[in-house]
Amino acid sequence: MTNSQRLAAVRQTLRAWYQEQQPEAPWEVAESIMIRDGFYCGRNFRFGTLRAVWFVEEEQVKIYQADGSLLHAFKTDVLETGEPTVKLFEADGEESSEPETSVEQTPAAEEAPARRAA
């Protein structure tokens, strides 16, 4: 899993956890990068009165209450990627999960129209 995929999975998991805890509250998050000794070490998320810290090397996310006490923690090495699925639409309006097999060829350099310099 790439770093961007892991970040997407962490965001998705935090959002799902928050919506489970506060179903009526809107998901509004502030996010910042954490740097230690000049190196990237994780992310800091603030939502509602809570704060979550993703420790990249430890593969953990810890969620803290406003008073700083630990509320919840989970390991990031078990997260699934939240990769979006791509749906293709056929001409008749029905969805298809199969990609189109025909590829339009671009003209070769000698076939392309010549351009004049200005």
PDB file of N, CA and C in Angstrom:
ATOM      1  N   MET A   1       0.854  -1.172   0.000  1.00  0.00           N
ATOM      2  CA  MET A   1       0.000   0.000   0.000  1.00  0.00           C
ATOM      3  C   MET A   1       0.903   1.239   0.000  1.00  0.00           C
ATOM      4  N   THR A   2       0.624   2.180  -0.880  1.00  0.00           N
ATOM      5  CA  THR A   2       1.422   3.396  -0.943  1.00  0.00           C
ATOM      6  C   THR A   2       1.067   4.330   0.216  1.00  0.00           C
ATOM      7  N   ASN A   3       1.905   5.338   0.434  1.00  0.00           N
ATOM      8  CA  ASN A   3       1.631   6.295   1.509  1.00  0.00           C
ATOM      9  C   ASN A   3       0.314   7.033   1.296  1.00  0.00           C
ATOM     10  N   SER A   4       0.022   7.405   0.063  1.00  0.00           N
ATOM     11  CA  SER A   4      -1.237   8.105  -0.196  1.00  0.00           C
ATOM     12  C   SER A   4      -2.440   7.191   0.045  1.00  0.00           C
ATOM     13  N   GLN A   5      -2.293   5.903  -0.245  1.00  0.00           N
ATOM     14  CA  GLN A   5      -3.374   4.953   0.030  1.00  0.00           C
ATOM     15  C   GLN A   5      -3.560   4.765   1.535  1.00  0.00           C
ATOM     16  N   ARG A   6      -2.440   4.707   2.260  1.00  0.00           N
ATOM     17  CA  ARG A   6      -2.552   4.581   3.720  1.00  0.00           C
ATOM     18  C   ARG A   6      -3.216   5.812   4.320  1.00  0.00           C
ATOM     19  N   LEU A   7      -2.840   7.000   3.827  1.00  0.00           N
ATOM     20  CA  LEU A   7      -3.454   8.227   4.319  1.00  0.00           C
ATOM     21  C   LEU A   7      -4.949   8.236   4.033  1.00  0.00           C
ATOM     22  N   ALA A   8      -5.330   7.832   2.834  1.00  0.00           N
ATOM     23  CA  ALA A   8      -6.757   7.761   2.485  1.00  0.00           C
ATOM     24  C   ALA A   8      -7.492   6.781   3.388  1.00  0.00           C
ATOM     25  N   ALA A   9      -6.864   5.646   3.693  1.00  0.00           N
ATOM     26  CA  ALA A   9      -7.486   4.654   4.577  1.00  0.00           C
ATOM     27  C   ALA A   9      -7.617   5.192   5.996  1.00  0.00           C
ATOM     28  N   VAL A  10      -6.613   5.925   6.483  1.00  0.00           N
ATOM     29  CA  VAL A  10      -6.685   6.526   7.820  1.00  0.00           C
ATOM     30  C   VAL A  10      -7.811   7.551   7.859  1.00  0.00           C
ATOM     31  N   ARG A  11      -7.877   8.408   6.860  1.00  0.00           N
ATOM     32  CA  ARG A  11      -8.953   9.418   6.813  1.00  0.00           C
ATOM     33  C   ARG A  11     -10.323   8.748   6.811  1.00  0.00           C
ATOM     34  N   GLN A  12     -10.469   7.731   5.976  1.00  0.00           N
ATOM     35  CA  GLN A  12     -11.748   7.022   5.859  1.00  0.00           C
ATOM     36  C   GLN A  12     -12.124   6.361   7.189  1.00  0.00           C
ATOM     37  N   THR A  13     -11.156   5.752   7.854  1.00  0.00           N
ATOM     38  CA  THR A  13     -11.422   5.080   9.125  1.00  0.00           C
ATOM     39  C   THR A  13     -11.787   6.088  10.212  1.00  0.00           C
ATOM     40  N   LEU A  14     -11.072   7.217  10.257  1.00  0.00           N
ATOM     41  CA  LEU A  14     -11.403   8.255  11.243  1.00  0.00           C
ATOM     42  C   LEU A  14     -12.808   8.802  11.022  1.00  0.00           C
ATOM     43  N   ARG A  15     -13.134   9.042   9.773  1.00  0.00           N
ATOM     44  CA  ARG A  15     -14.466   9.573   9.469  1.00  0.00           C
ATOM     45  C   ARG A  15     -15.551   8.577   9.881  1.00  0.00           C
ATOM     46  N   ALA A  16     -15.356   7.307   9.536  1.00  0.00           N
ATOM     47  CA  ALA A  16     -16.338   6.277   9.889  1.00  0.00           C
ATOM     48  C   ALA A  16     -16.472   6.158  11.406  1.00  0.00           C
ATOM     49  N   TRP A  17     -15.343   6.186  12.107  1.00  0.00           N
ATOM     50  CA  TRP A  17     -15.383   6.097  13.574  1.00  0.00           C
ATOM     51  C   TRP A  17     -16.130   7.288  14.161  1.00  0.00           C
ATOM     52  N   TYR A  18     -15.840   8.495  13.673  1.00  0.00           N
ATOM     53  CA  TYR A  18     -16.482   9.707  14.190  1.00  0.00           C
ATOM     54  C   TYR A  18     -17.984   9.692  13.914  1.00  0.00           C
ATOM     55  N   GLN A  19     -18.373   9.281  12.718  1.00  0.00           N
ATOM     56  CA  GLN A  19     -19.794   9.243  12.386  1.00  0.00           C
ATOM     57  C   GLN A  19     -20.534   8.177  13.183  1.00  0.00           C
ATOM     58  N   GLU A  20     -19.822   7.149  13.618  1.00  0.00           N
ATOM     59  CA  GLU A  20     -20.409   6.146  14.495  1.00  0.00           C
ATOM     60  C   GLU A  20     -20.639   6.732  15.893  1.00  0.00           C
ATOM     61  N   GLN A  21     -19.676   7.533  16.352  1.00  0.00           N
ATOM     62  CA  GLN A  21     -19.753   8.134  17.680  1.00  0.00           C
ATOM     63  C   GLN A  21     -20.714   9.320  17.724  1.00  0.00           C
ATOM     64  N   GLN A  22     -20.699  10.124  16.680  1.00  0.00           N
ATOM     65  CA  GLN A  22     -21.495  11.351  16.605  1.00  0.00           C
ATOM     66  C   GLN A  22     -22.288  11.365  15.289  1.00  0.00           C
ATOM     67  N   PRO A  23     -23.308  10.538  15.149  1.00  0.00           N
ATOM     68  CA  PRO A  23     -23.987  10.427  13.857  1.00  0.00           C
ATOM     69  C   PRO A  23     -24.645  11.721  13.376  1.00  0.00           C
ATOM     70  N   GLU A  24     -25.039  12.593  14.284  1.00  0.00           N
ATOM     71  CA  GLU A  24     -25.703  13.833  13.879  1.00  0.00           C
ATOM     72  C   GLU A  24     -24.725  14.978  13.627  1.00  0.00           C
ATOM     73  N   ALA A  25     -23.482  14.822  14.029  1.00  0.00           N
ATOM     74  CA  ALA A  25     -22.486  15.887  13.871  1.00  0.00           C
ATOM     75  C   ALA A  25     -21.871  15.855  12.472  1.00  0.00           C
ATOM     76  N   PRO A  26     -21.656  17.027  11.878  1.00  0.00           N
ATOM     77  CA  PRO A  26     -21.012  17.052  10.554  1.00  0.00           C
ATOM     78  C   PRO A  26     -19.531  16.717  10.675  1.00  0.00           C
ATOM     79  N   TRP A  27     -18.984  16.134   9.618  1.00  0.00           N
ATOM     80  CA  TRP A  27     -17.565  15.788   9.589  1.00  0.00           C
ATOM     81  C   TRP A  27     -16.792  16.996   9.085  1.00  0.00           C
ATOM     82  N   GLU A  28     -16.178  17.708  10.005  1.00  0.00           N
ATOM     83  CA  GLU A  28     -15.336  18.850   9.669  1.00  0.00           C
ATOM     84  C   GLU A  28     -13.997  18.598  10.330  1.00  0.00           C
ATOM     85  N   VAL A  29     -12.957  18.481   9.524  1.00  0.00           N
ATOM     86  CA  VAL A  29     -11.653  18.099  10.049  1.00  0.00           C
ATOM     87  C   VAL A  29     -10.587  19.103   9.626  1.00  0.00           C
ATOM     88  N   ALA A  30      -9.681  19.388  10.545  1.00  0.00           N
ATOM     89  CA  ALA A  30      -8.480  20.168  10.241  1.00  0.00           C
ATOM     90  C   ALA A  30      -7.314  19.197  10.323  1.00  0.00           C
ATOM     91  N   GLU A  31      -6.434  19.252   9.354  1.00  0.00           N
ATOM     92  CA  GLU A  31      -5.352  18.273   9.261  1.00  0.00           C
ATOM     93  C   GLU A  31      -4.020  18.990   9.123  1.00  0.00           C
ATOM     94  N   SER A  32      -3.008  18.491   9.824  1.00  0.00           N
ATOM     95  CA  SER A  32      -1.666  19.064   9.690  1.00  0.00           C
ATOM     96  C   SER A  32      -0.629  17.952   9.693  1.00  0.00           C
ATOM     97  N   ILE A  33       0.503  18.249   9.071  1.00  0.00           N
ATOM     98  CA  ILE A  33       1.608  17.290   8.978  1.00  0.00           C
ATOM     99  C   ILE A  33       2.481  17.436  10.209  1.00  0.00           C
ATOM    100  N   MET A  34       2.966  16.324  10.731  1.00  0.00           N
ATOM    101  CA  MET A  34       3.876  16.353  11.885  1.00  0.00           C
ATOM    102  C   MET A  34       5.294  16.056  11.406  1.00  0.00           C
ATOM    103  N   ILE A  35       6.217  16.923  11.796  1.00  0.00           N
ATOM    104  CA  ILE A  35       7.633  16.779  11.457  1.00  0.00           C
ATOM    105  C   ILE A  35       8.418  16.668  12.762  1.00  0.00           C
ATOM    106  N   ARG A  36       9.301  15.672  12.836  1.00  0.00           N
ATOM    107  CA  ARG A  36      10.168  15.508  14.005  1.00  0.00           C
ATOM    108  C   ARG A  36      11.602  15.396  13.507  1.00  0.00           C
ATOM    109  N   ASP A  37      12.470  16.253  14.012  1.00  0.00           N
ATOM    110  CA  ASP A  37      13.885  16.275  13.611  1.00  0.00           C
ATOM    111  C   ASP A  37      14.051  16.376  12.097  1.00  0.00           C
ATOM    112  N   GLY A  38      13.158  17.131  11.457  1.00  0.00           N
ATOM    113  CA  GLY A  38      13.245  17.348  10.027  1.00  0.00           C
ATOM    114  C   GLY A  38      12.660  16.243   9.166  1.00  0.00           C
ATOM    115  N   PHE A  39      12.053  15.234   9.774  1.00  0.00           N
ATOM    116  CA  PHE A  39      11.497  14.116   9.026  1.00  0.00           C
ATOM    117  C   PHE A  39       9.992  14.006   9.283  1.00  0.00           C
ATOM    118  N   TYR A  40       9.282  13.610   8.237  1.00  0.00           N
ATOM    119  CA  TYR A  40       7.844  13.375   8.344  1.00  0.00           C
ATOM    120  C   TYR A  40       7.599  12.215   9.291  1.00  0.00           C
ATOM    121  N   CYS A  41       6.717  12.416  10.274  1.00  0.00           N
ATOM    122  CA  CYS A  41       6.448  11.321  11.213  1.00  0.00           C
ATOM    123  C   CYS A  41       4.958  11.016  11.369  1.00  0.00           C
ATOM    124  N   GLY A  42       4.085  11.822  10.762  1.00  0.00           N
ATOM    125  CA  GLY A  42       2.668  11.508  10.867  1.00  0.00           C
ATOM    126  C   GLY A  42       1.774  12.686  10.557  1.00  0.00           C
ATOM    127  N   ARG A  43       0.535  12.557  10.984  1.00  0.00           N
ATOM    128  CA  ARG A  43      -0.483  13.590  10.762  1.00  0.00           C
ATOM    129  C   ARG A  43      -1.260  13.821  12.040  1.00  0.00           C
ATOM    130  N   ASN A  44      -1.740  15.040  12.159  1.00  0.00           N
ATOM    131  CA  ASN A  44      -2.563  15.449  13.281  1.00  0.00           C
ATOM    132  C   ASN A  44      -3.923  15.838  12.708  1.00  0.00           C
ATOM    133  N   PHE A  45      -5.001  15.296  13.251  1.00  0.00           N
ATOM    134  CA  PHE A  45      -6.359  15.575  12.793  1.00  0.00           C
ATOM    135  C   PHE A  45      -7.149  16.153  13.959  1.00  0.00           C
ATOM    136  N   ARG A  46      -7.910  17.198  13.709  1.00  0.00           N
ATOM    137  CA  ARG A  46      -8.811  17.765  14.727  1.00  0.00           C
ATOM    138  C   ARG A  46     -10.217  17.764  14.155  1.00  0.00           C
ATOM    139  N   PHE A  47     -11.139  17.189  14.920  1.00  0.00           N
ATOM    140  CA  PHE A  47     -12.537  17.160  14.512  1.00  0.00           C
ATOM    141  C   PHE A  47     -13.388  17.216  15.773  1.00  0.00           C
ATOM    142  N   GLY A  48     -14.361  18.114  15.750  1.00  0.00           N
ATOM    143  CA  GLY A  48     -15.162  18.330  16.951  1.00  0.00           C
ATOM    144  C   GLY A  48     -14.252  18.764  18.088  1.00  0.00           C
ATOM    145  N   THR A  49     -14.409  18.154  19.242  1.00  0.00           N
ATOM    146  CA  THR A  49     -13.538  18.446  20.383  1.00  0.00           C
ATOM    147  C   THR A  49     -12.411  17.425  20.494  1.00  0.00           C
ATOM    148  N   LEU A  50     -12.283  16.562  19.503  1.00  0.00           N
ATOM    149  CA  LEU A  50     -11.309  15.472  19.551  1.00  0.00           C
ATOM    150  C   LEU A  50     -10.076  15.773  18.705  1.00  0.00           C
ATOM    151  N   ARG A  51      -9.016  15.062  19.023  1.00  0.00           N
ATOM    152  CA  ARG A  51      -7.771  15.153  18.255  1.00  0.00           C
ATOM    153  C   ARG A  51      -7.288  13.737  18.009  1.00  0.00           C
ATOM    154  N   ALA A  52      -6.881  13.465  16.784  1.00  0.00           N
ATOM    155  CA  ALA A  52      -6.322  12.157  16.434  1.00  0.00           C
ATOM    156  C   ALA A  52      -4.916  12.375  15.904  1.00  0.00           C
ATOM    157  N   VAL A  53      -4.022  11.480  16.263  1.00  0.00           N
ATOM    158  CA  VAL A  53      -2.644  11.547  15.802  1.00  0.00           C
ATOM    159  C   VAL A  53      -2.308  10.226  15.131  1.00  0.00           C
ATOM    160  N   TRP A  54      -1.827  10.325  13.888  1.00  0.00           N
ATOM    161  CA  TRP A  54      -1.384   9.140  13.155  1.00  0.00           C
ATOM    162  C   TRP A  54       0.130   9.106  13.250  1.00  0.00           C
ATOM    163  N   PHE A  55       0.643   8.100  13.924  1.00  0.00           N
ATOM    164  CA  PHE A  55       2.078   7.879  14.059  1.00  0.00           C
ATOM    165  C   PHE A  55       2.487   6.884  12.974  1.00  0.00           C
ATOM    166  N   VAL A  56       3.135   7.367  11.925  1.00  0.00           N
ATOM    167  CA  VAL A  56       3.431   6.544  10.750  1.00  0.00           C
ATOM    168  C   VAL A  56       4.348   5.374  11.094  1.00  0.00           C
ATOM    169  N   GLU A  57       5.463   5.630  11.766  1.00  0.00           N
ATOM    170  CA  GLU A  57       6.412   4.553  12.061  1.00  0.00           C
ATOM    171  C   GLU A  57       5.825   3.504  12.994  1.00  0.00           C
ATOM    172  N   GLU A  58       5.015   3.934  13.946  1.00  0.00           N
ATOM    173  CA  GLU A  58       4.403   2.989  14.884  1.00  0.00           C
ATOM    174  C   GLU A  58       3.165   2.318  14.308  1.00  0.00           C
ATOM    175  N   GLU A  59       2.703   2.806  13.138  1.00  0.00           N
ATOM    176  CA  GLU A  59       1.502   2.289  12.479  1.00  0.00           C
ATOM    177  C   GLU A  59       0.305   2.306  13.418  1.00  0.00           C
ATOM    178  N   GLN A  60       0.115   3.465  14.064  1.00  0.00           N
ATOM    179  CA  GLN A  60      -0.992   3.629  15.012  1.00  0.00           C
ATOM    180  C   GLN A  60      -1.676   4.972  14.814  1.00  0.00           C
ATOM    181  N   VAL A  61      -2.969   4.986  15.101  1.00  0.00           N
ATOM    182  CA  VAL A  61      -3.724   6.225  15.204  1.00  0.00           C
ATOM    183  C   VAL A  61      -4.298   6.236  16.613  1.00  0.00           C
ATOM    184  N   LYS A  62      -4.072   7.343  17.319  1.00  0.00           N
ATOM    185  CA  LYS A  62      -4.611   7.496  18.666  1.00  0.00           C
ATOM    186  C   LYS A  62      -5.546   8.691  18.669  1.00  0.00           C
ATOM    187  N   ILE A  63      -6.714   8.502  19.246  1.00  0.00           N
ATOM    188  CA  ILE A  63      -7.724   9.551  19.326  1.00  0.00           C
ATOM    189  C   ILE A  63      -7.797  10.012  20.779  1.00  0.00           C
ATOM    190  N   TYR A  64      -7.674  11.320  20.948  1.00  0.00           N
ATOM    191  CA  TYR A  64      -7.642  11.906  22.284  1.00  0.00           C
ATOM    192  C   TYR A  64      -8.855  12.799  22.505  1.00  0.00           C
ATOM    193  N   GLN A  65      -9.327  12.822  23.756  1.00  0.00           N
ATOM    194  CA  GLN A  65     -10.397  13.734  24.146  1.00  0.00           C
ATOM    195  C   GLN A  65      -9.813  15.130  24.335  1.00  0.00           C
ATOM    196  N   ALA A  66     -10.672  16.115  24.560  1.00  0.00           N
ATOM    197  CA  ALA A  66     -10.227  17.504  24.719  1.00  0.00           C
ATOM    198  C   ALA A  66      -9.288  17.669  25.904  1.00  0.00           C
ATOM    199  N   ASP A  67      -9.457  16.846  26.947  1.00  0.00           N
ATOM    200  CA  ASP A  67      -8.592  16.953  28.130  1.00  0.00           C
ATOM    201  C   ASP A  67      -7.259  16.210  27.960  1.00  0.00           C
ATOM    202  N   GLY A  68      -7.038  15.599  26.788  1.00  0.00           N
ATOM    203  CA  GLY A  68      -5.784  14.909  26.502  1.00  0.00           C
ATOM    204  C   GLY A  68      -5.780  13.430  26.832  1.00  0.00           C
ATOM    205  N   SER A  69      -6.855  12.926  27.392  1.00  0.00           N
ATOM    206  CA  SER A  69      -6.904  11.502  27.724  1.00  0.00           C
ATOM    207  C   SER A  69      -7.183  10.676  26.465  1.00  0.00           C
ATOM    208  N   LEU A  70      -6.581   9.497  26.422  1.00  0.00           N
ATOM    209  CA  LEU A  70      -6.722   8.607  25.275  1.00  0.00           C
ATOM    210  C   LEU A  70      -8.123   8.023  25.243  1.00  0.00           C
ATOM    211  N   LEU A  71      -8.800   8.189  24.106  1.00  0.00           N
ATOM    212  CA  LEU A  71     -10.163   7.700  23.946  1.00  0.00           C
ATOM    213  C   LEU A  71     -10.198   6.381  23.179  1.00  0.00           C
ATOM    214  N   HIS A  72      -9.381   6.291  22.115  1.00  0.00           N
ATOM    215  CA  HIS A  72      -9.402   5.107  21.259  1.00  0.00           C
ATOM    216  C   HIS A  72      -8.081   5.033  20.498  1.00  0.00           C
ATOM    217  N   ALA A  73      -7.655   3.838  20.151  1.00  0.00           N
ATOM    218  CA  ALA A  73      -6.449   3.646  19.342  1.00  0.00           C
ATOM    219  C   ALA A  73      -6.677   2.475  18.404  1.00  0.00           C
ATOM    220  N   PHE A  74      -6.083   2.551  17.226  1.00  0.00           N
ATOM    221  CA  PHE A  74      -6.141   1.430  16.305  1.00  0.00           C
ATOM    222  C   PHE A  74      -4.866   1.367  15.481  1.00  0.00           C
ATOM    223  N   LYS A  75      -4.559   0.169  15.002  1.00  0.00           N
ATOM    224  CA  LYS A  75      -3.370  -0.074  14.186  1.00  0.00           C
ATOM    225  C   LYS A  75      -3.703   0.224  12.730  1.00  0.00           C
ATOM    226  N   THR A  76      -2.772   0.859  12.038  1.00  0.00           N
ATOM    227  CA  THR A  76      -3.016   1.182  10.625  1.00  0.00           C
ATOM    228  C   THR A  76      -2.561   0.078   9.690  1.00  0.00           C
ATOM    229  N   ASP A  77      -1.797  -0.882  10.177  1.00  0.00           N
ATOM    230  CA  ASP A  77      -1.332  -1.946   9.286  1.00  0.00           C
ATOM    231  C   ASP A  77      -2.441  -2.916   8.898  1.00  0.00           C
ATOM    232  N   VAL A  78      -3.614  -2.808   9.516  1.00  0.00           N
ATOM    233  CA  VAL A  78      -4.723  -3.700   9.188  1.00  0.00           C
ATOM    234  C   VAL A  78      -5.820  -2.999   8.395  1.00  0.00           C
ATOM    235  N   LEU A  79      -5.603  -1.735   8.056  1.00  0.00           N
ATOM    236  CA  LEU A  79      -6.616  -0.991   7.319  1.00  0.00           C
ATOM    237  C   LEU A  79      -6.681  -1.458   5.876  1.00  0.00           C
ATOM    238  N   GLU A  80      -7.873  -1.455   5.344  1.00  0.00           N
ATOM    239  CA  GLU A  80      -8.078  -1.770   3.934  1.00  0.00           C
ATOM    240  C   GLU A  80      -7.927  -0.489   3.141  1.00  0.00           C
ATOM    241  N   THR A  81      -7.481  -0.613   1.919  1.00  0.00           N
ATOM    242  CA  THR A  81      -7.404   0.571   1.069  1.00  0.00           C
ATOM    243  C   THR A  81      -8.805   0.931   0.642  1.00  0.00           C
ATOM    244  N   GLY A  82      -9.091   2.191   0.662  1.00  0.00           N
ATOM    245  CA  GLY A  82     -10.391   2.671   0.229  1.00  0.00           C
ATOM    246  C   GLY A  82     -10.346   3.098  -1.217  1.00  0.00           C
ATOM    247  N   GLU A  83      -9.705   2.275  -2.050  1.00  0.00           N
ATOM    248  CA  GLU A  83      -9.558   2.640  -3.446  1.00  0.00           C
ATOM    249  C   GLU A  83     -10.929   2.721  -4.104  1.00  0.00           C
ATOM    250  N   PRO A  84     -11.175   3.813  -4.812  1.00  0.00           N
ATOM    251  CA  PRO A  84     -12.479   3.955  -5.461  1.00  0.00           C
ATOM    252  C   PRO A  84     -12.632   2.959  -6.606  1.00  0.00           C
ATOM    253  N   THR A  85     -13.836   2.536  -6.820  1.00  0.00           N
ATOM    254  CA  THR A  85     -14.098   1.670  -7.958  1.00  0.00           C
ATOM    255  C   THR A  85     -14.526   2.543  -9.121  1.00  0.00           C
ATOM    256  N   VAL A  86     -14.142   2.159 -10.295  1.00  0.00           N
ATOM    257  CA  VAL A  86     -14.468   2.930 -11.486  1.00  0.00           C
ATOM    258  C   VAL A  86     -15.617   2.237 -12.191  1.00  0.00           C
ATOM    259  N   LYS A  87     -16.646   2.996 -12.505  1.00  0.00           N
ATOM    260  CA  LYS A  87     -17.771   2.436 -13.240  1.00  0.00           C
ATOM    261  C   LYS A  87     -17.787   3.076 -14.612  1.00  0.00           C
ATOM    262  N   LEU A  88     -17.919   2.233 -15.605  1.00  0.00           N
ATOM    263  CA  LEU A  88     -17.996   2.704 -16.977  1.00  0.00           C
ATOM    264  C   LEU A  88     -19.443   2.619 -17.421  1.00  0.00           C
ATOM    265  N   PHE A  89     -19.851   3.558 -18.254  1.00  0.00           N
ATOM    266  CA  PHE A  89     -21.232   3.589 -18.719  1.00  0.00           C
ATOM    267  C   PHE A  89     -21.263   3.296 -20.211  1.00  0.00           C
ATOM    268  N   GLU A  90     -22.178   2.435 -20.581  1.00  0.00           N
ATOM    269  CA  GLU A  90     -22.341   2.101 -21.990  1.00  0.00           C
ATOM    270  C   GLU A  90     -23.325   3.077 -22.611  1.00  0.00           C
ATOM    271  N   ALA A  91     -23.414   3.056 -23.916  1.00  0.00           N
ATOM    272  CA  ALA A  91     -24.252   4.005 -24.646  1.00  0.00           C
ATOM    273  C   ALA A  91     -25.722   3.906 -24.253  1.00  0.00           C
ATOM    274  N   ASP A  92     -26.193   2.713 -23.912  1.00  0.00           N
ATOM    275  CA  ASP A  92     -27.608   2.565 -23.588  1.00  0.00           C
ATOM    276  C   ASP A  92     -27.917   2.949 -22.141  1.00  0.00           C
ATOM    277  N   GLY A  93     -26.936   3.456 -21.412  1.00  0.00           N
ATOM    278  CA  GLY A  93     -27.180   3.938 -20.065  1.00  0.00           C
ATOM    279  C   GLY A  93     -26.931   2.925 -18.969  1.00  0.00           C
ATOM    280  N   GLU A  94     -26.624   1.682 -19.329  1.00  0.00           N
ATOM    281  CA  GLU A  94     -26.355   0.679 -18.309  1.00  0.00           C
ATOM    282  C   GLU A  94     -24.894   0.713 -17.906  1.00  0.00           C
ATOM    283  N   GLU A  95     -24.671   0.382 -16.649  1.00  0.00           N
ATOM    284  CA  GLU A  95     -23.308   0.366 -16.143  1.00  0.00           C
ATOM    285  C   GLU A  95     -22.601  -0.913 -16.560  1.00  0.00           C
ATOM    286  N   SER A  96     -21.301  -0.791 -16.752  1.00  0.00           N
ATOM    287  CA  SER A  96     -20.482  -1.940 -17.092  1.00  0.00           C
ATOM    288  C   SER A  96     -19.200  -1.855 -16.292  1.00  0.00           C
ATOM    289  N   SER A  97     -18.749  -2.958 -15.773  1.00  0.00           N
ATOM    290  CA  SER A  97     -17.483  -2.963 -15.050  1.00  0.00           C
ATOM    291  C   SER A  97     -16.331  -3.365 -15.961  1.00  0.00           C
ATOM    292  N   GLU A  98     -16.642  -3.694 -17.197  1.00  0.00           N
ATOM    293  CA  GLU A  98     -15.625  -4.094 -18.154  1.00  0.00           C
ATOM    294  C   GLU A  98     -15.107  -2.875 -18.900  1.00  0.00           C
ATOM    295  N   PRO A  99     -13.792  -2.716 -18.992  1.00  0.00           N
ATOM    296  CA  PRO A  99     -13.263  -1.599 -19.771  1.00  0.00           C
ATOM    297  C   PRO A  99     -13.449  -1.839 -21.256  1.00  0.00           C
ATOM    298  N   GLU A 100     -13.498  -0.750 -21.983  1.00  0.00           N
ATOM    299  CA  GLU A 100     -13.617  -0.849 -23.421  1.00  0.00           C
ATOM    300  C   GLU A 100     -12.317  -1.374 -24.001  1.00  0.00           C
ATOM    301  N   THR A 101     -12.406  -2.257 -24.988  1.00  0.00           N
ATOM    302  CA  THR A 101     -11.189  -2.861 -25.519  1.00  0.00           C
ATOM    303  C   THR A 101     -10.613  -2.099 -26.703  1.00  0.00           C
ATOM    304  N   SER A 102     -11.398  -1.269 -27.359  1.00  0.00           N
ATOM    305  CA  SER A 102     -10.866  -0.543 -28.514  1.00  0.00           C
ATOM    306  C   SER A 102     -10.118   0.700 -28.048  1.00  0.00           C
ATOM    307  N   VAL A 103      -9.009   0.952 -28.723  1.00  0.00           N
ATOM    308  CA  VAL A 103      -8.178   2.101 -28.393  1.00  0.00           C
ATOM    309  C   VAL A 103      -7.991   2.898 -29.662  1.00  0.00           C
ATOM    310  N   GLU A 104      -8.233   4.204 -29.584  1.00  0.00           N
ATOM    311  CA  GLU A 104      -8.063   5.057 -30.755  1.00  0.00           C
ATOM    312  C   GLU A 104      -6.587   5.355 -30.927  1.00  0.00           C
ATOM    313  N   GLN A 105      -6.088   5.128 -32.118  1.00  0.00           N
ATOM    314  CA  GLN A 105      -4.678   5.364 -32.403  1.00  0.00           C
ATOM    315  C   GLN A 105      -4.454   6.841 -32.703  1.00  0.00           C
ATOM    316  N   THR A 106      -3.383   7.384 -32.169  1.00  0.00           N
ATOM    317  CA  THR A 106      -3.014   8.755 -32.502  1.00  0.00           C
ATOM    318  C   THR A 106      -2.172   8.724 -33.759  1.00  0.00           C
ATOM    319  N   PRO A 107      -2.245   9.772 -34.580  1.00  0.00           N
ATOM    320  CA  PRO A 107      -1.473   9.755 -35.827  1.00  0.00           C
ATOM    321  C   PRO A 107       0.019   9.796 -35.540  1.00  0.00           C
ATOM    322  N   ALA A 108       0.775   9.115 -36.392  1.00  0.00           N
ATOM    323  CA  ALA A 108       2.235   9.133 -36.258  1.00  0.00           C
ATOM    324  C   ALA A 108       2.741  10.519 -36.612  1.00  0.00           C
ATOM    325  N   ALA A 109       3.984  10.801 -36.300  1.00  0.00           N
ATOM    326  CA  ALA A 109       4.557  12.126 -36.508  1.00  0.00           C
ATOM    327  C   ALA A 109       4.466  12.565 -37.964  1.00  0.00           C
ATOM    328  N   GLU A 110       4.677  11.627 -38.914  1.00  0.00           N
ATOM    329  CA  GLU A 110       4.623  12.012 -40.317  1.00  0.00           C
ATOM    330  C   GLU A 110       3.194  12.231 -40.790  1.00  0.00           C
ATOM    331  N   GLU A 111       2.195  11.669 -40.086  1.00  0.00           N
ATOM    332  CA  GLU A 111       0.799  11.835 -40.460  1.00  0.00           C
ATOM    333  C   GLU A 111       0.186  13.078 -39.840  1.00  0.00           C
ATOM    334  N   ALA A 112       0.786  13.594 -38.792  1.00  0.00           N
ATOM    335  CA  ALA A 112       0.232  14.750 -38.085  1.00  0.00           C
ATOM    336  C   ALA A 112       0.392  15.995 -38.944  1.00  0.00           C
ATOM    337  N   PRO A 113      -0.575  16.918 -38.869  1.00  0.00           N
ATOM    338  CA  PRO A 113      -0.470  18.143 -39.666  1.00  0.00           C
ATOM    339  C   PRO A 113       0.708  18.973 -39.181  1.00  0.00           C
ATOM    340  N   ALA A 114       1.368  19.631 -40.130  1.00  0.00           N
ATOM    341  CA  ALA A 114       2.533  20.458 -39.809  1.00  0.00           C
ATOM    342  C   ALA A 114       2.080  21.773 -39.202  1.00  0.00           C
ATOM    343  N   ARG A 115       2.845  22.276 -38.262  1.00  0.00           N
ATOM    344  CA  ARG A 115       2.555  23.567 -37.643  1.00  0.00           C
ATOM    345  C   ARG A 115       3.626  24.559 -38.052  1.00  0.00           C
ATOM    346  N   ARG A 116       3.209  25.772 -38.245  1.00  0.00           N
ATOM    347  CA  ARG A 116       4.154  26.815 -38.616  1.00  0.00           C
ATOM    348  C   ARG A 116       4.582  27.590 -37.382  1.00  0.00           C
ATOM    349  N   ALA A 117       5.829  27.956 -37.370  1.00  0.00           N
ATOM    350  CA  ALA A 117       6.341  28.763 -36.263  1.00  0.00           C
ATOM    351  C   ALA A 117       5.859  30.201 -36.437  1.00  0.00           C
ATOM    352  N   ALA A 118       5.560  30.837 -35.336  1.00  0.00           N
ATOM    353  CA  ALA A 118       5.060  32.221 -35.409  1.00  0.00           C
ATOM    354  C   ALA A 118       6.197  33.212 -35.453  1.00  0.00           C
TER     355      ALA A 118
END
